C-alpha atoms as a PDB file:
ATOM      1  CA  MET A   1      23.047  -9.222   7.874  1.00  0.00           C
ATOM      2  CA  THR A   2      21.051 -11.507   5.170  1.00  0.00           C
ATOM      3  CA  VAL A   3      17.355 -11.128   3.891  1.00  0.00           C
ATOM      4  CA  LYS A   4      17.292 -14.718   5.825  1.00  0.00           C
ATOM      5  CA  GLU A   5      18.794 -13.524   9.158  1.00  0.00           C
ATOM      6  CA  ARG A   6      16.268 -10.396   9.687  1.00  0.00           C
ATOM      7  CA  LEU A   7      13.066 -13.038   8.877  1.00  0.00           C
ATOM      8  CA  HIS A   8      14.406 -15.397  11.501  1.00  0.00           C
ATOM      9  CA  ARG A   9      15.497 -12.868  13.933  1.00  0.00           C
ATOM     10  CA  VAL A  10      11.262 -11.168  13.150  1.00  0.00           C
ATOM     11  CA  VAL A  11      10.041 -14.785  13.453  1.00  0.00           C
ATOM     12  CA  ASP A  12      11.745 -15.098  16.950  1.00  0.00           C
ATOM     13  CA  GLU A  13      10.487 -11.923  18.529  1.00  0.00           C
ATOM     14  CA  MET A  14       7.197 -12.577  16.946  1.00  0.00           C
ATOM     15  CA  SER A  15       4.217 -13.733  19.905  1.00  0.00           C
ATOM     16  CA  ASP A  16       2.314 -16.825  19.193  1.00  0.00           C
ATOM     17  CA  ASP A  17      -0.564 -14.810  18.261  1.00  0.00           C
ATOM     18  CA  GLU A  18       1.387 -13.157  15.460  1.00  0.00           C
ATOM     19  CA  ALA A  19       2.290 -16.355  14.056  1.00  0.00           C
ATOM     20  CA  GLU A  20      -0.562 -17.602  14.708  1.00  0.00           C
ATOM     21  CA  THR A  21      -2.292 -15.571  12.753  1.00  0.00           C
ATOM     22  CA  LEU A  22       0.228 -16.022   9.844  1.00  0.00           C
ATOM     23  CA  ARG A  23      -0.098 -19.641   9.786  1.00  0.00           C
ATOM     24  CA  ARG A  24      -3.744 -18.850   9.156  1.00  0.00           C
ATOM     25  CA  ILE A  25      -2.730 -16.466   6.221  1.00  0.00           C
ATOM     26  CA  GLU A  26      -0.682 -18.754   4.437  1.00  0.00           C
ATOM     27  CA  THR A  27      -3.116 -21.566   4.808  1.00  0.00           C
ATOM     28  CA  LEU A  28      -5.566 -19.101   3.349  1.00  0.00           C
ATOM     29  CA  ARG A  29      -3.727 -18.608   0.357  1.00  0.00           C
ATOM     30  CA  SER A  30      -3.951 -22.382  -0.737  1.00  0.00           C
ATOM     31  CA  ASP A  31      -7.471 -22.000  -0.779  1.00  0.00           C
ATOM     32  CA  PRO A  32      -9.091 -21.886  -4.006  1.00  0.00           C
ATOM     33  CA  LEU A  33     -11.482 -19.063  -3.693  1.00  0.00           C
ATOM     34  CA  VAL A  34      -8.241 -16.752  -2.344  1.00  0.00           C
ATOM     35  CA  ARG A  35      -6.208 -17.558  -5.505  1.00  0.00           C
ATOM     36  CA  PHE A  36      -9.118 -16.936  -7.663  1.00  0.00           C
ATOM     37  CA  PHE A  37      -9.765 -13.716  -6.642  1.00  0.00           C
ATOM     38  CA  ASP A  38      -5.238 -12.837  -6.460  1.00  0.00           C
ATOM     39  CA  ALA A  39      -5.551 -14.045 -10.032  1.00  0.00           C
ATOM     40  CA  ALA A  40      -8.252 -11.431 -10.880  1.00  0.00           C
ATOM     41  CA  PRO A  41      -7.652  -8.061 -12.868  1.00  0.00           C
ATOM     42  CA  ILE A  42      -7.403  -4.976 -11.232  1.00  0.00           C
ATOM     43  CA  ASP A  43     -10.383  -3.044 -11.440  1.00  0.00           C
ATOM     44  CA  ASP A  44      -9.349  -0.360 -13.629  1.00  0.00           C
ATOM     45  CA  GLU A  45     -13.286   1.160 -14.099  1.00  0.00           C
ATOM     46  CA  PRO A  46     -12.964   5.128 -13.677  1.00  0.00           C
ATOM     47  CA  VAL A  47     -13.939   6.149 -10.089  1.00  0.00           C
ATOM     48  CA  THR A  48     -16.967   8.587 -10.166  1.00  0.00           C
ATOM     49  CA  PRO A  49     -16.416  11.858  -8.690  1.00  0.00           C
ATOM     50  CA  GLU A  50     -19.469  10.612  -6.109  1.00  0.00           C
ATOM     51  CA  GLU A  51     -17.467   7.329  -4.750  1.00  0.00           C
ATOM     52  CA  GLU A  52     -14.383  10.264  -4.554  1.00  0.00           C
ATOM     53  CA  ALA A  53     -16.408  12.336  -2.329  1.00  0.00           C
ATOM     54  CA  ALA A  54     -17.625   9.430  -0.034  1.00  0.00           C
ATOM     55  CA  THR A  55     -14.551   8.362   0.128  1.00  0.00           C
ATOM     56  CA  ALA A  56     -12.750  11.804   0.660  1.00  0.00           C
ATOM     57  CA  GLU A  57     -15.798  11.402   3.692  1.00  0.00           C
ATOM     58  CA  VAL A  58     -15.033   8.479   5.147  1.00  0.00           C
ATOM     59  CA  GLU A  59     -11.236   9.064   5.234  1.00  0.00           C
ATOM     60  CA  ARG A  60     -12.078  12.449   6.962  1.00  0.00           C
ATOM     61  CA  ASP A  61     -13.964  10.604   9.889  1.00  0.00           C
ATOM     62  CA  ARG A  62     -11.448   8.057   9.898  1.00  0.00           C
ATOM     63  CA  ARG A  63      -9.032  10.393  10.455  1.00  0.00           C
ATOM     64  CA  ALA A  64     -10.834  12.000  13.538  1.00  0.00           C
ATOM     65  CA  GLY A  65     -11.439   8.459  14.908  1.00  0.00           C
ATOM     66  CA  ILE A  66     -15.346   8.913  13.887  1.00  0.00           C
ATOM     67  CA  SER A  67     -17.057   5.365  13.239  1.00  0.00           C
ATOM     68  CA  PRO A  68     -20.491   5.437  12.326  1.00  0.00           C
ATOM     69  CA  PHE A  69     -20.900   2.203  13.769  1.00  0.00           C
ATOM     70  CA  SER A  70     -19.828   0.517  16.738  1.00  0.00           C
ATOM     71  CA  PHE A  71     -18.097  -2.928  16.570  1.00  0.00           C
ATOM     72  CA  ASP A  72     -21.217  -3.965  18.365  1.00  0.00           C
ATOM     73  CA  GLU A  73     -23.615  -2.923  16.225  1.00  0.00           C
ATOM     74  CA  ILE A  74     -21.839  -4.001  12.810  1.00  0.00           C
ATOM     75  CA  ARG A  75     -21.906  -7.480  14.670  1.00  0.00           C
ATOM     76  CA  ARG A  76     -25.749  -6.754  15.917  1.00  0.00           C
ATOM     77  CA  ARG A  77     -26.529  -5.889  12.099  1.00  0.00           C
ATOM     78  CA  TYR A  78     -24.544  -8.558  10.536  1.00  0.00           C
ATOM     79  CA  LEU A  79     -23.656 -11.543  12.463  1.00  0.00           C
END
């Protein structure tokens, strides 16, 4: 099966919601701000030990299913 055939198969098996999500992503790709960020250089600043520890803590919590804030709490605070 060619790459095109596999892609056609994936698209054919997609739900309408999934197809709409991909359409929106494709639309975003033409946005100048998104293109600006895509073209930005990769951050090569060294990671500090404090940042590594914080990241490890978040990853442990995420794997354990622990979230410091529910989605509703985030929405209340920031939206």
